[in-house]
């Protein structure tokens, strides 16, 4: 009666008694469903909101706009760089010597050319030439790695630029 369902009755569609029986069945079904429903967690105890704790947790969450796709591309690029670096290290006659020069390839903070030249017993100029050659070979190895992932040699330069941009995300 509250919802004015009687206005929906149409004599041409059936008898009034049939309409009332159907309305009563719907009512009983809805009441039974409401009685069985568990609201807001059912039997579980309610959680209190500690806004100070929530704010601290929020501050600890990483905040970046990196999508899973961008993270995948970054990881792919880093993998190619690492593989190239490992190949370069394997080619090196002296791996300990390579490990010292590696800082000039990766941009890690480390010693200066002068300091390292003194440590390895080379002139500063000779060390710079050695680093230059190492960088050139590293680039060649990286291009070889990329060549294995593209369809044609013309795509290598474009892919190299894309991978380097993915690393700098």
Protein backbone atom coordinates (compact mmCIF):
# COMPACT_ATOMS: atom_id res chain seq x y z
CA UNK A 1 0.00 0.00 0.00
CA UNK A 2 2.88 2.39 0.84
CA UNK A 3 4.45 1.99 -2.59
CA UNK A 4 1.17 2.28 -4.50
CA UNK A 5 1.52 -1.09 -6.23
CA UNK A 6 -2.25 -1.28 -6.62
CA UNK A 7 -1.95 1.32 -9.34
CA UNK A 8 0.00 -1.27 -11.36
CA UNK A 9 -2.97 -3.68 -11.41
CA UNK A 10 -4.44 -4.06 -14.87
CA UNK A 11 -7.73 -6.03 -15.11
CA UNK A 12 -6.94 -7.11 -18.66
CA UNK A 13 -3.71 -8.85 -17.57
CA UNK A 14 -5.35 -11.06 -14.96
CA UNK A 15 -7.45 -11.33 -11.86
CA UNK A 16 -6.98 -9.14 -8.82
CA UNK A 17 -6.57 -12.17 -6.56
CA UNK A 18 -3.67 -13.43 -8.71
CA UNK A 19 -2.10 -9.99 -8.53
CA UNK A 20 -2.40 -9.97 -4.71
CA UNK A 21 -0.95 -13.48 -4.38
CA UNK A 22 2.05 -12.54 -6.57
CA UNK A 23 2.57 -9.28 -4.63
CA UNK A 24 2.41 -11.17 -1.32
CA UNK A 25 4.94 -13.77 -2.53
CA UNK A 26 7.33 -11.04 -3.60
CA UNK A 27 6.90 -9.33 -0.23
CA UNK A 28 7.58 -12.55 1.72
CA UNK A 29 10.61 -13.36 -0.44
CA UNK A 30 12.07 -9.87 0.03
CA UNK A 31 11.52 -10.00 3.81
CA UNK A 32 13.16 -13.43 4.02
CA UNK A 33 16.17 -12.12 2.00
CA UNK A 34 16.49 -9.09 4.28
CA UNK A 35 16.41 -11.33 7.35
CA UNK A 36 19.21 -13.52 6.01
CA UNK A 37 21.40 -10.69 4.80
CA UNK A 38 24.60 -9.93 6.64
CA UNK A 39 25.42 -6.30 6.53
CA UNK A 40 28.75 -4.56 6.91
CA UNK A 41 30.92 -7.58 7.52
CA UNK A 42 28.37 -9.95 9.08
CA UNK A 43 29.64 -11.44 12.32
CA UNK A 44 33.07 -9.87 12.10
CA UNK A 45 33.88 -7.25 14.73
CA UNK A 46 33.95 -3.69 13.41
CA UNK A 47 37.33 -2.05 12.83
CA UNK A 48 38.05 1.29 14.33
CA UNK A 49 39.59 3.96 12.16
CA UNK A 50 42.78 5.37 13.50
CA UNK A 51 43.29 8.33 11.20
CA UNK A 52 46.79 9.09 12.49
CA UNK A 53 47.91 5.53 11.74
CA UNK A 54 46.22 5.63 8.34
CA UNK A 55 47.96 8.88 7.44
CA UNK A 56 51.35 7.44 8.44
CA UNK A 57 50.72 4.33 6.33
CA UNK A 58 49.66 6.49 3.39
CA UNK A 59 52.93 8.43 3.58
CA UNK A 60 54.91 5.17 3.46
CA UNK A 61 53.20 3.99 0.26
CA UNK A 62 55.24 4.51 -2.90
CA UNK A 63 53.95 7.37 -4.95
CA UNK A 64 54.66 7.19 -8.64
CA UNK A 65 52.79 7.09 -11.87
CA UNK A 66 54.54 4.03 -13.24
CA UNK A 67 52.11 1.62 -14.81
CA UNK A 68 52.81 -2.11 -14.92
CA UNK A 69 53.61 -1.69 -18.61
CA UNK A 70 56.20 1.01 -17.90
CA UNK A 71 57.73 -1.08 -15.13
CA UNK A 72 57.95 -4.03 -17.51
CA UNK A 73 59.66 -1.90 -20.17
CA UNK A 74 62.10 -0.56 -17.57
CA UNK A 75 62.92 -4.06 -16.34
CA UNK A 76 63.40 -5.25 -19.94
CA UNK A 77 65.80 -2.39 -20.67
CA UNK A 78 67.76 -3.02 -17.46
CA UNK A 79 68.01 -6.70 -18.34
CA UNK A 80 69.53 -5.88 -21.74
CA UNK A 81 71.98 -3.46 -20.11
CA UNK A 82 72.97 -6.07 -17.52
CA UNK A 83 73.44 -8.77 -20.14
CA UNK A 84 75.66 -6.47 -22.19
CA UNK A 85 77.67 -5.58 -19.10
CA UNK A 86 78.15 -9.25 -18.20
CA UNK A 87 79.31 -10.05 -21.73
CA UNK A 88 81.76 -7.15 -21.56
CA UNK A 89 83.06 -8.38 -18.21
CA UNK A 90 83.49 -11.90 -19.59
CA UNK A 91 85.51 -10.52 -22.53
CA UNK A 92 87.80 -8.57 -20.24
CA UNK A 93 91.29 -9.97 -19.80
CA UNK A 94 91.33 -8.92 -16.15
CA UNK A 95 87.98 -8.98 -14.41
CA UNK A 96 89.29 -7.15 -11.36
CA UNK A 97 90.58 -4.42 -13.69
CA UNK A 98 87.17 -4.36 -15.38
CA UNK A 99 85.38 -4.05 -12.04
CA UNK A 100 87.42 -0.94 -11.25
CA UNK A 101 86.69 0.65 -14.63
CA UNK A 102 83.01 -0.26 -14.50
CA UNK A 103 82.16 2.83 -12.44
CA UNK A 104 82.93 4.96 -15.49
CA UNK A 105 80.38 2.97 -17.53
CA UNK A 106 77.54 2.98 -15.04
CA UNK A 107 77.85 6.51 -13.70
CA UNK A 108 78.15 5.27 -10.13
CA UNK A 109 79.93 7.64 -7.80
CA UNK A 110 83.47 6.49 -7.36
CA UNK A 111 87.04 7.51 -7.76
CA UNK A 112 88.36 10.04 -10.24
CA UNK A 113 90.39 9.14 -13.32
CA UNK A 114 93.53 10.38 -11.57
CA UNK A 115 92.94 8.32 -8.42
CA UNK A 116 92.16 5.14 -10.33
CA UNK A 117 95.12 5.62 -12.68
CA UNK A 118 97.42 5.76 -9.65
CA UNK A 119 95.79 2.65 -8.15
CA UNK A 120 96.19 0.55 -11.31
CA UNK A 121 99.57 1.94 -12.30
CA UNK A 122 98.54 3.70 -15.51
CA UNK A 123 98.74 7.26 -16.68
CA UNK A 124 95.52 9.23 -16.53
CA UNK A 125 95.49 9.53 -20.32
CA UNK A 126 95.94 5.78 -20.81
CA UNK A 127 93.09 5.14 -18.37
CA UNK A 128 90.80 7.51 -20.27
CA UNK A 129 91.60 5.71 -23.52
CA UNK A 130 90.86 2.35 -21.85
CA UNK A 131 87.51 3.67 -20.56
CA UNK A 132 86.70 5.07 -24.01
CA UNK A 133 87.33 1.69 -25.62
CA UNK A 134 85.31 -0.04 -22.93
CA UNK A 135 82.38 2.31 -23.53
CA UNK A 136 82.55 1.74 -27.29
CA UNK A 137 82.60 -2.06 -26.85
CA UNK A 138 79.73 -1.84 -24.33
CA UNK A 139 77.69 0.07 -26.92
CA UNK A 140 78.47 -2.56 -29.55
CA UNK A 141 77.41 -5.38 -27.23
CA UNK A 142 74.22 -3.54 -26.30
CA UNK A 143 73.36 -3.09 -29.98
CA UNK A 144 73.98 -6.82 -30.50
CA UNK A 145 71.59 -7.63 -27.66
CA UNK A 146 68.98 -5.29 -29.12
CA UNK A 147 69.45 -6.79 -32.59
CA UNK A 148 68.24 -10.10 -31.20
CA UNK A 149 64.92 -8.48 -30.21
CA UNK A 150 64.03 -6.49 -33.33
CA UNK A 151 62.99 -7.54 -36.81
CA UNK A 152 65.50 -5.52 -38.83
CA UNK A 153 68.84 -3.74 -38.31
CA UNK A 154 67.16 -0.41 -39.09
CA UNK A 155 65.14 -0.70 -35.87
CA UNK A 156 68.17 -0.97 -33.57
CA UNK A 157 68.78 2.77 -33.19
CA UNK A 158 65.11 3.49 -32.49
CA UNK A 159 64.89 0.63 -29.99
CA UNK A 160 68.07 1.80 -28.27
CA UNK A 161 66.55 5.25 -27.76
CA UNK A 162 63.32 3.75 -26.48
CA UNK A 163 65.10 1.46 -24.01
CA UNK A 164 67.28 4.25 -22.70
CA UNK A 165 64.18 6.39 -22.14
CA UNK A 166 62.55 3.45 -20.31
CA UNK A 167 65.53 3.27 -17.94
CA UNK A 168 65.25 6.93 -17.04
CA UNK A 169 61.61 6.64 -15.86
